[in-house]
Amino acid sequence: MQYNQLGESDLKVSEICLGTMTYGQQNTIEEAHQQLDYAVAQGVNFIDAAEMYPVPTRAETQGLTEAYIGEWLKYQQRDKLIIATKIAGPGRGMKFA
């Protein structure tokens, strides 16, 4: 796996970033954890998440991606992983519970 310096920080991120936008919509928590384990075993240390995931957004599934990753992180060497996340403003016509 190749790694690149992230901006001017001292962080080195894998060239491959694991996208997780379907966790909670197309993937169960068990499948998500299997995919995360596999990615890390291959050298991936860069994981993309967001509070609005999974996509398409629905009140019932909003935030599940971060919840799945959070559960998985309890058993990981957190200092070895880069979790990129973001927040979204109010969605057009999206009403969250």
PDB file of N, CA and C in Angstrom:
ATOM      1  N   MET A   1       0.861  -1.180   0.000  1.00  0.00           N
ATOM      2  CA  MET A   1       0.000   0.000   0.000  1.00  0.00           C
ATOM      3  C   MET A   1       0.899   1.231   0.000  1.00  0.00           C
ATOM      4  N   GLN A   2       0.538   2.190  -0.806  1.00  0.00           N
ATOM      5  CA  GLN A   2       1.261   3.462  -0.823  1.00  0.00           C
ATOM      6  C   GLN A   2       0.542   4.441   0.115  1.00  0.00           C
ATOM      7  N   TYR A   3       1.332   5.306   0.725  1.00  0.00           N
ATOM      8  CA  TYR A   3       0.806   6.303   1.659  1.00  0.00           C
ATOM      9  C   TYR A   3       1.273   7.684   1.231  1.00  0.00           C
ATOM     10  N   ASN A   4       0.443   8.674   1.476  1.00  0.00           N
ATOM     11  CA  ASN A   4       0.761  10.059   1.134  1.00  0.00           C
ATOM     12  C   ASN A   4       0.562  10.932   2.368  1.00  0.00           C
ATOM     13  N   GLN A   5       1.400  11.946   2.466  1.00  0.00           N
ATOM     14  CA  GLN A   5       1.248  12.907   3.548  1.00  0.00           C
ATOM     15  C   GLN A   5      -0.032  13.700   3.319  1.00  0.00           C
ATOM     16  N   LEU A   6      -0.795  13.891   4.374  1.00  0.00           N
ATOM     17  CA  LEU A   6      -2.049  14.634   4.294  1.00  0.00           C
ATOM     18  C   LEU A   6      -1.772  16.114   4.538  1.00  0.00           C
ATOM     19  N   GLY A   7      -1.784  16.866   3.443  1.00  0.00           N
ATOM     20  CA  GLY A   7      -1.526  18.306   3.540  1.00  0.00           C
ATOM     21  C   GLY A   7      -0.191  18.588   4.190  1.00  0.00           C
ATOM     22  N   GLU A   8      -0.191  19.510   5.145  1.00  0.00           N
ATOM     23  CA  GLU A   8       1.035  19.862   5.863  1.00  0.00           C
ATOM     24  C   GLU A   8       1.104  19.171   7.221  1.00  0.00           C
ATOM     25  N   SER A   9       0.186  18.224   7.459  1.00  0.00           N
ATOM     26  CA  SER A   9       0.182  17.506   8.732  1.00  0.00           C
ATOM     27  C   SER A   9       1.265  16.431   8.730  1.00  0.00           C
ATOM     28  N   ASP A  10       1.407  15.748   9.857  1.00  0.00           N
ATOM     29  CA  ASP A  10       2.333  14.624   9.919  1.00  0.00           C
ATOM     30  C   ASP A  10       1.619  13.299   9.650  1.00  0.00           C
ATOM     31  N   LEU A  11       0.360  13.365   9.220  1.00  0.00           N
ATOM     32  CA  LEU A  11      -0.423  12.159   8.946  1.00  0.00           C
ATOM     33  C   LEU A  11      -0.087  11.583   7.583  1.00  0.00           C
ATOM     34  N   LYS A  12       0.031  10.271   7.527  1.00  0.00           N
ATOM     35  CA  LYS A  12       0.236   9.547   6.273  1.00  0.00           C
ATOM     36  C   LYS A  12      -1.019   8.716   6.040  1.00  0.00           C
ATOM     37  N   VAL A  13      -1.688   8.948   4.917  1.00  0.00           N
ATOM     38  CA  VAL A  13      -2.916   8.223   4.606  1.00  0.00           C
ATOM     39  C   VAL A  13      -2.691   7.291   3.423  1.00  0.00           C
ATOM     40  N   SER A  14      -3.377   6.161   3.470  1.00  0.00           N
ATOM     41  CA  SER A  14      -3.277   5.202   2.370  1.00  0.00           C
ATOM     42  C   SER A  14      -3.857   5.824   1.107  1.00  0.00           C
ATOM     43  N   GLU A  15      -3.287   5.455  -0.034  1.00  0.00           N
ATOM     44  CA  GLU A  15      -3.804   5.968  -1.311  1.00  0.00           C
ATOM     45  C   GLU A  15      -5.237   5.531  -1.536  1.00  0.00           C
ATOM     46  N   ILE A  16      -5.589   4.405  -0.971  1.00  0.00           N
ATOM     47  CA  ILE A  16      -6.967   3.916  -1.074  1.00  0.00           C
ATOM     48  C   ILE A  16      -7.697   4.284   0.203  1.00  0.00           C
ATOM     49  N   CYS A  17      -8.839   4.923   0.050  1.00  0.00           N
ATOM     50  CA  CYS A  17      -9.694   5.298   1.168  1.00  0.00           C
ATOM     51  C   CYS A  17     -10.956   4.434   1.087  1.00  0.00           C
ATOM     52  N   LEU A  18     -11.334   3.830   2.200  1.00  0.00           N
ATOM     53  CA  LEU A  18     -12.546   3.018   2.212  1.00  0.00           C
ATOM     54  C   LEU A  18     -13.764   3.919   2.371  1.00  0.00           C
ATOM     55  N   GLY A  19     -14.624   3.940   1.360  1.00  0.00           N
ATOM     56  CA  GLY A  19     -15.882   4.671   1.434  1.00  0.00           C
ATOM     57  C   GLY A  19     -16.931   3.828   2.128  1.00  0.00           C
ATOM     58  N   THR A  20     -17.730   4.443   2.969  1.00  0.00           N
ATOM     59  CA  THR A  20     -18.681   3.682   3.799  1.00  0.00           C
ATOM     60  C   THR A  20     -20.108   4.181   3.676  1.00  0.00           C
ATOM     61  N   MET A  21     -20.406   4.859   2.569  1.00  0.00           N
ATOM     62  CA  MET A  21     -21.708   5.530   2.486  1.00  0.00           C
ATOM     63  C   MET A  21     -22.905   4.602   2.385  1.00  0.00           C
ATOM     64  N   THR A  22     -22.685   3.298   2.197  1.00  0.00           N
ATOM     65  CA  THR A  22     -23.829   2.380   2.122  1.00  0.00           C
ATOM     66  C   THR A  22     -24.048   1.612   3.420  1.00  0.00           C
ATOM     67  N   TYR A  23     -23.154   1.775   4.395  1.00  0.00           N
ATOM     68  CA  TYR A  23     -23.343   1.062   5.655  1.00  0.00           C
ATOM     69  C   TYR A  23     -24.661   1.495   6.286  1.00  0.00           C
ATOM     70  N   GLY A  24     -25.458   0.514   6.670  1.00  0.00           N
ATOM     71  CA  GLY A  24     -26.756   0.800   7.270  1.00  0.00           C
ATOM     72  C   GLY A  24     -27.885   0.807   6.268  1.00  0.00           C
ATOM     73  N   GLN A  25     -27.577   0.869   4.990  1.00  0.00           N
ATOM     74  CA  GLN A  25     -28.574   0.841   3.913  1.00  0.00           C
ATOM     75  C   GLN A  25     -28.429  -0.462   3.129  1.00  0.00           C
ATOM     76  N   GLN A  26     -27.225  -0.714   2.643  1.00  0.00           N
ATOM     77  CA  GLN A  26     -26.957  -1.924   1.870  1.00  0.00           C
ATOM     78  C   GLN A  26     -26.100  -2.919   2.627  1.00  0.00           C
ATOM     79  N   ASN A  27     -25.554  -2.522   3.763  1.00  0.00           N
ATOM     80  CA  ASN A  27     -24.656  -3.375   4.529  1.00  0.00           C
ATOM     81  C   ASN A  27     -25.124  -3.458   5.972  1.00  0.00           C
ATOM     82  N   THR A  28     -25.092  -4.661   6.541  1.00  0.00           N
ATOM     83  CA  THR A  28     -25.366  -4.834   7.960  1.00  0.00           C
ATOM     84  C   THR A  28     -24.130  -4.428   8.751  1.00  0.00           C
ATOM     85  N   ILE A  29     -24.261  -4.335  10.053  1.00  0.00           N
ATOM     86  CA  ILE A  29     -23.108  -4.007  10.890  1.00  0.00           C
ATOM     87  C   ILE A  29     -22.044  -5.100  10.781  1.00  0.00           C
ATOM     88  N   GLU A  30     -22.463  -6.350  10.694  1.00  0.00           N
ATOM     89  CA  GLU A  30     -21.502  -7.446  10.560  1.00  0.00           C
ATOM     90  C   GLU A  30     -20.736  -7.338   9.243  1.00  0.00           C
ATOM     91  N   GLU A  31     -21.437  -7.061   8.162  1.00  0.00           N
ATOM     92  CA  GLU A  31     -20.771  -6.898   6.862  1.00  0.00           C
ATOM     93  C   GLU A  31     -19.832  -5.697   6.873  1.00  0.00           C
ATOM     94  N   ALA A  32     -20.272  -4.616   7.493  1.00  0.00           N
ATOM     95  CA  ALA A  32     -19.429  -3.424   7.588  1.00  0.00           C
ATOM     96  C   ALA A  32     -18.133  -3.753   8.331  1.00  0.00           C
ATOM     97  N   HIS A  33     -18.242  -4.459   9.441  1.00  0.00           N
ATOM     98  CA  HIS A  33     -17.059  -4.802  10.226  1.00  0.00           C
ATOM     99  C   HIS A  33     -16.131  -5.738   9.451  1.00  0.00           C
ATOM    100  N   GLN A  34     -16.687  -6.656   8.680  1.00  0.00           N
ATOM    101  CA  GLN A  34     -15.867  -7.536   7.840  1.00  0.00           C
ATOM    102  C   GLN A  34     -15.119  -6.723   6.782  1.00  0.00           C
ATOM    103  N   GLN A  35     -15.806  -5.765   6.172  1.00  0.00           N
ATOM    104  CA  GLN A  35     -15.170  -4.934   5.149  1.00  0.00           C
ATOM    105  C   GLN A  35     -14.078  -4.059   5.763  1.00  0.00           C
ATOM    106  N   LEU A  36     -14.342  -3.498   6.920  1.00  0.00           N
ATOM    107  CA  LEU A  36     -13.343  -2.682   7.607  1.00  0.00           C
ATOM    108  C   LEU A  36     -12.123  -3.523   7.977  1.00  0.00           C
ATOM    109  N   ASP A  37     -12.348  -4.719   8.518  1.00  0.00           N
ATOM    110  CA  ASP A  37     -11.236  -5.607   8.868  1.00  0.00           C
ATOM    111  C   ASP A  37     -10.403  -5.947   7.635  1.00  0.00           C
ATOM    112  N   TYR A  38     -11.072  -6.254   6.529  1.00  0.00           N
ATOM    113  CA  TYR A  38     -10.368  -6.613   5.305  1.00  0.00           C
ATOM    114  C   TYR A  38      -9.535  -5.439   4.791  1.00  0.00           C
ATOM    115  N   ALA A  39     -10.140  -4.249   4.782  1.00  0.00           N
ATOM    116  CA  ALA A  39      -9.427  -3.066   4.289  1.00  0.00           C
ATOM    117  C   ALA A  39      -8.170  -2.811   5.115  1.00  0.00           C
ATOM    118  N   VAL A  40      -8.281  -2.870   6.434  1.00  0.00           N
ATOM    119  CA  VAL A  40      -7.129  -2.625   7.301  1.00  0.00           C
ATOM    120  C   VAL A  40      -6.067  -3.706   7.082  1.00  0.00           C
ATOM    121  N   ALA A  41      -6.481  -4.947   6.909  1.00  0.00           N
ATOM    122  CA  ALA A  41      -5.530  -6.033   6.651  1.00  0.00           C
ATOM    123  C   ALA A  41      -4.754  -5.809   5.348  1.00  0.00           C
ATOM    124  N   GLN A  42      -5.356  -5.058   4.416  1.00  0.00           N
ATOM    125  CA  GLN A  42      -4.695  -4.748   3.146  1.00  0.00           C
ATOM    126  C   GLN A  42      -3.850  -3.482   3.221  1.00  0.00           C
ATOM    127  N   GLY A  43      -3.841  -2.823   4.376  1.00  0.00           N
ATOM    128  CA  GLY A  43      -3.024  -1.624   4.552  1.00  0.00           C
ATOM    129  C   GLY A  43      -3.797  -0.316   4.504  1.00  0.00           C
ATOM    130  N   VAL A  44      -5.098  -0.363   4.302  1.00  0.00           N
ATOM    131  CA  VAL A  44      -5.902   0.864   4.290  1.00  0.00           C
ATOM    132  C   VAL A  44      -5.952   1.420   5.714  1.00  0.00           C
ATOM    133  N   ASN A  45      -5.662   2.697   5.861  1.00  0.00           N
ATOM    134  CA  ASN A  45      -5.775   3.347   7.163  1.00  0.00           C
ATOM    135  C   ASN A  45      -6.686   4.582   7.104  1.00  0.00           C
ATOM    136  N   PHE A  46      -7.310   4.790   5.958  1.00  0.00           N
ATOM    137  CA  PHE A  46      -8.083   6.003   5.672  1.00  0.00           C
ATOM    138  C   PHE A  46      -9.528   5.582   5.396  1.00  0.00           C
ATOM    139  N   ILE A  47     -10.458   6.047   6.234  1.00  0.00           N
ATOM    140  CA  ILE A  47     -11.860   5.643   6.150  1.00  0.00           C
ATOM    141  C   ILE A  47     -12.725   6.886   6.053  1.00  0.00           C
ATOM    142  N   ASP A  48     -13.621   6.882   5.081  1.00  0.00           N
ATOM    143  CA  ASP A  48     -14.525   8.014   4.850  1.00  0.00           C
ATOM    144  C   ASP A  48     -15.876   7.740   5.496  1.00  0.00           C
ATOM    145  N   ALA A  49     -16.352   8.680   6.293  1.00  0.00           N
ATOM    146  CA  ALA A  49     -17.655   8.574   6.953  1.00  0.00           C
ATOM    147  C   ALA A  49     -18.345   9.935   6.913  1.00  0.00           C
ATOM    148  N   ALA A  50     -19.612   9.952   7.266  1.00  0.00           N
ATOM    149  CA  ALA A  50     -20.351  11.213   7.389  1.00  0.00           C
ATOM    150  C   ALA A  50     -21.616  10.959   8.181  1.00  0.00           C
ATOM    151  N   GLU A  51     -22.058  11.958   8.915  1.00  0.00           N
ATOM    152  CA  GLU A  51     -23.279  11.804   9.711  1.00  0.00           C
ATOM    153  C   GLU A  51     -24.510  11.624   8.843  1.00  0.00           C
ATOM    154  N   MET A  52     -24.440  12.020   7.597  1.00  0.00           N
ATOM    155  CA  MET A  52     -25.614  11.882   6.725  1.00  0.00           C
ATOM    156  C   MET A  52     -25.678  10.519   6.051  1.00  0.00           C
ATOM    157  N   TYR A  53     -24.601   9.721   6.163  1.00  0.00           N
ATOM    158  CA  TYR A  53     -24.594   8.395   5.546  1.00  0.00           C
ATOM    159  C   TYR A  53     -25.501   7.465   6.331  1.00  0.00           C
ATOM    160  N   PRO A  54     -26.117   6.496   5.728  1.00  0.00           N
ATOM    161  CA  PRO A  54     -25.983   6.063   4.362  1.00  0.00           C
ATOM    162  C   PRO A  54     -26.779   6.915   3.390  1.00  0.00           C
ATOM    163  N   VAL A  55     -26.438   6.741   2.134  1.00  0.00           N
ATOM    164  CA  VAL A  55     -27.084   7.443   1.031  1.00  0.00           C
ATOM    165  C   VAL A  55     -27.906   6.430   0.251  1.00  0.00           C
ATOM    166  N   PRO A  56     -29.125   6.714  -0.131  1.00  0.00           N
ATOM    167  CA  PRO A  56     -29.831   7.981   0.043  1.00  0.00           C
ATOM    168  C   PRO A  56     -30.269   8.170   1.500  1.00  0.00           C
ATOM    169  N   THR A  57     -30.332   9.421   1.915  1.00  0.00           N
ATOM    170  CA  THR A  57     -30.655   9.718   3.303  1.00  0.00           C
ATOM    171  C   THR A  57     -32.110   9.396   3.616  1.00  0.00           C
ATOM    172  N   ARG A  58     -32.265   8.805   4.787  1.00  0.00           N
ATOM    173  CA  ARG A  58     -33.592   8.511   5.346  1.00  0.00           C
ATOM    174  C   ARG A  58     -33.471   8.658   6.852  1.00  0.00           C
ATOM    175  N   ALA A  59     -34.494   9.162   7.483  1.00  0.00           N
ATOM    176  CA  ALA A  59     -34.455   9.372   8.931  1.00  0.00           C
ATOM    177  C   ALA A  59     -34.127   8.080   9.673  1.00  0.00           C
ATOM    178  N   GLU A  60     -34.606   6.947   9.184  1.00  0.00           N
ATOM    179  CA  GLU A  60     -34.421   5.665   9.876  1.00  0.00           C
ATOM    180  C   GLU A  60     -32.975   5.178   9.843  1.00  0.00           C
ATOM    181  N   THR A  61     -32.213   5.602   8.855  1.00  0.00           N
ATOM    182  CA  THR A  61     -30.851   5.086   8.711  1.00  0.00           C
ATOM    183  C   THR A  61     -29.774   6.147   8.921  1.00  0.00           C
ATOM    184  N   GLN A  62     -30.152   7.400   9.012  1.00  0.00           N
ATOM    185  CA  GLN A  62     -29.190   8.491   9.156  1.00  0.00           C
ATOM    186  C   GLN A  62     -28.279   8.229  10.347  1.00  0.00           C
ATOM    187  N   GLY A  63     -26.974   8.340  10.125  1.00  0.00           N
ATOM    188  CA  GLY A  63     -25.994   8.169  11.188  1.00  0.00           C
ATOM    189  C   GLY A  63     -25.524   6.740  11.414  1.00  0.00           C
ATOM    190  N   LEU A  64     -26.113   5.768  10.718  1.00  0.00           N
ATOM    191  CA  LEU A  64     -25.726   4.374  10.956  1.00  0.00           C
ATOM    192  C   LEU A  64     -24.286   4.091  10.551  1.00  0.00           C
ATOM    193  N   THR A  65     -23.814   4.713   9.486  1.00  0.00           N
ATOM    194  CA  THR A  65     -22.427   4.487   9.080  1.00  0.00           C
ATOM    195  C   THR A  65     -21.473   4.838  10.212  1.00  0.00           C
ATOM    196  N   GLU A  66     -21.629   5.997  10.797  1.00  0.00           N
ATOM    197  CA  GLU A  66     -20.739   6.398  11.886  1.00  0.00           C
ATOM    198  C   GLU A  66     -20.927   5.507  13.105  1.00  0.00           C
ATOM    199  N   ALA A  67     -22.150   5.055  13.369  1.00  0.00           N
ATOM    200  CA  ALA A  67     -22.388   4.143  14.490  1.00  0.00           C
ATOM    201  C   ALA A  67     -21.678   2.808  14.266  1.00  0.00           C
ATOM    202  N   TYR A  68     -21.758   2.279  13.055  1.00  0.00           N
ATOM    203  CA  TYR A  68     -21.096   1.014  12.728  1.00  0.00           C
ATOM    204  C   TYR A  68     -19.575   1.152  12.878  1.00  0.00           C
ATOM    205  N   ILE A  69     -19.034   2.244  12.367  1.00  0.00           N
ATOM    206  CA  ILE A  69     -17.589   2.468  12.467  1.00  0.00           C
ATOM    207  C   ILE A  69     -17.199   2.665  13.931  1.00  0.00           C
ATOM    208  N   GLY A  70     -17.999   3.403  14.673  1.00  0.00           N
ATOM    209  CA  GLY A  70     -17.725   3.627  16.093  1.00  0.00           C
ATOM    210  C   GLY A  70     -17.666   2.324  16.879  1.00  0.00           C
ATOM    211  N   GLU A  71     -18.597   1.429  16.622  1.00  0.00           N
ATOM    212  CA  GLU A  71     -18.580   0.116  17.284  1.00  0.00           C
ATOM    213  C   GLU A  71     -17.305  -0.646  16.936  1.00  0.00           C
ATOM    214  N   TRP A  72     -16.933  -0.614  15.680  1.00  0.00           N
ATOM    215  CA  TRP A  72     -15.740  -1.309  15.205  1.00  0.00           C
ATOM    216  C   TRP A  72     -14.478  -0.705  15.817  1.00  0.00           C
ATOM    217  N   LEU A  73     -14.444   0.621  15.941  1.00  0.00           N
ATOM    218  CA  LEU A  73     -13.260   1.305  16.463  1.00  0.00           C
ATOM    219  C   LEU A  73     -12.949   0.942  17.918  1.00  0.00           C
ATOM    220  N   LYS A  74     -13.929   0.467  18.661  1.00  0.00           N
ATOM    221  CA  LYS A  74     -13.708   0.082  20.052  1.00  0.00           C
ATOM    222  C   LYS A  74     -12.625  -0.993  20.176  1.00  0.00           C
ATOM    223  N   TYR A  75     -12.422  -1.755  19.095  1.00  0.00           N
ATOM    224  CA  TYR A  75     -11.510  -2.897  19.126  1.00  0.00           C
ATOM    225  C   TYR A  75     -10.299  -2.713  18.210  1.00  0.00           C
ATOM    226  N   GLN A  76     -10.025  -1.470  17.847  1.00  0.00           N
ATOM    227  CA  GLN A  76      -8.933  -1.170  16.917  1.00  0.00           C
ATOM    228  C   GLN A  76      -7.871  -0.317  17.581  1.00  0.00           C
ATOM    229  N   GLN A  77      -6.720  -0.254  16.953  1.00  0.00           N
ATOM    230  CA  GLN A  77      -5.677   0.676  17.380  1.00  0.00           C
ATOM    231  C   GLN A  77      -6.021   2.025  16.762  1.00  0.00           C
ATOM    232  N   ARG A  78      -6.773   2.823  17.477  1.00  0.00           N
ATOM    233  CA  ARG A  78      -7.331   4.065  16.940  1.00  0.00           C
ATOM    234  C   ARG A  78      -6.261   5.011  16.424  1.00  0.00           C
ATOM    235  N   ASP A  79      -5.104   5.010  17.036  1.00  0.00           N
ATOM    236  CA  ASP A  79      -4.051   5.932  16.611  1.00  0.00           C
ATOM    237  C   ASP A  79      -3.437   5.543  15.270  1.00  0.00           C
ATOM    238  N   LYS A  80      -3.798   4.403  14.722  1.00  0.00           N
ATOM    239  CA  LYS A  80      -3.285   3.945  13.427  1.00  0.00           C
ATOM    240  C   LYS A  80      -4.245   4.245  12.278  1.00  0.00           C
ATOM    241  N   LEU A  81      -5.414   4.812  12.585  1.00  0.00           N
ATOM    242  CA  LEU A  81      -6.459   5.015  11.571  1.00  0.00           C
ATOM    243  C   LEU A  81      -6.825   6.479  11.417  1.00  0.00           C
ATOM    244  N   ILE A  82      -7.111   6.872  10.197  1.00  0.00           N
ATOM    245  CA  ILE A  82      -7.570   8.230   9.884  1.00  0.00           C
ATOM    246  C   ILE A  82      -9.033   8.108   9.473  1.00  0.00           C
ATOM    247  N   ILE A  83      -9.917   8.736  10.251  1.00  0.00           N
ATOM    248  CA  ILE A  83     -11.350   8.717   9.941  1.00  0.00           C
ATOM    249  C   ILE A  83     -11.726  10.112   9.452  1.00  0.00           C
ATOM    250  N   ALA A  84     -12.109  10.189   8.185  1.00  0.00           N
ATOM    251  CA  ALA A  84     -12.538  11.470   7.610  1.00  0.00           C
ATOM    252  C   ALA A  84     -14.053  11.521   7.725  1.00  0.00           C
ATOM    253  N   THR A  85     -14.560  12.579   8.299  1.00  0.00           N
ATOM    254  CA  THR A  85     -16.008  12.705   8.430  1.00  0.00           C
ATOM    255  C   THR A  85     -16.407  14.135   8.120  1.00  0.00           C
ATOM    256  N   LYS A  86     -17.682  14.341   7.994  1.00  0.00           N
ATOM    257  CA  LYS A  86     -18.201  15.667   7.683  1.00  0.00           C
ATOM    258  C   LYS A  86     -19.651  15.743   8.145  1.00  0.00           C
ATOM    259  N   ILE A  87     -20.145  16.942   8.216  1.00  0.00           N
ATOM    260  CA  ILE A  87     -21.549  17.125   8.568  1.00  0.00           C
ATOM    261  C   ILE A  87     -22.246  17.833   7.429  1.00  0.00           C
ATOM    262  N   ALA A  88     -23.545  17.666   7.358  1.00  0.00           N
ATOM    263  CA  ALA A  88     -24.337  18.296   6.310  1.00  0.00           C
ATOM    264  C   ALA A  88     -25.324  19.265   6.959  1.00  0.00           C
ATOM    265  N   GLY A  89     -25.644  20.289   6.236  1.00  0.00           N
ATOM    266  CA  GLY A  89     -26.670  21.211   6.710  1.00  0.00           C
ATOM    267  C   GLY A  89     -28.040  20.592   6.487  1.00  0.00           C
ATOM    268  N   PRO A  90     -29.077  21.342   6.793  1.00  0.00           N
ATOM    269  CA  PRO A  90     -30.424  20.818   6.598  1.00  0.00           C
ATOM    270  C   PRO A  90     -30.646  20.370   5.149  1.00  0.00           C
ATOM    271  N   GLY A  91     -31.207  19.190   4.987  1.00  0.00           N
ATOM    272  CA  GLY A  91     -31.481  18.665   3.656  1.00  0.00           C
ATOM    273  C   GLY A  91     -32.824  19.146   3.152  1.00  0.00           C
ATOM    274  N   ARG A  92     -32.890  19.338   1.868  1.00  0.00           N
ATOM    275  CA  ARG A  92     -34.151  19.758   1.279  1.00  0.00           C
ATOM    276  C   ARG A  92     -35.187  18.656   1.408  1.00  0.00           C
ATOM    277  N   GLY A  93     -36.222  18.906   2.162  1.00  0.00           N
ATOM    278  CA  GLY A  93     -37.316  17.960   2.303  1.00  0.00           C
ATOM    279  C   GLY A  93     -36.991  16.779   3.211  1.00  0.00           C
ATOM    280  N   MET A  94     -35.834  16.754   3.833  1.00  0.00           N
ATOM    281  CA  MET A  94     -35.458  15.640   4.702  1.00  0.00           C
ATOM    282  C   MET A  94     -35.781  15.992   6.130  1.00  0.00           C
ATOM    283  N   LYS A  95     -36.650  15.224   6.725  1.00  0.00           N
ATOM    284  CA  LYS A  95     -37.038  15.461   8.115  1.00  0.00           C
ATOM    285  C   LYS A  95     -36.460  14.341   8.963  1.00  0.00           C
ATOM    286  N   PHE A  96     -35.550  14.694   9.886  1.00  0.00           N
ATOM    287  CA  PHE A  96     -34.950  13.689  10.758  1.00  0.00           C
ATOM    288  C   PHE A  96     -35.724  13.616  12.045  1.00  0.00           C
ATOM    289  N   ALA A  97     -35.773  12.423  12.586  1.00  0.00           N
ATOM    290  CA  ALA A  97     -36.506  12.189  13.836  1.00  0.00           C
ATOM    291  C   ALA A  97     -35.812  12.840  14.990  1.00  0.00           C
TER     292      ALA A  97
END
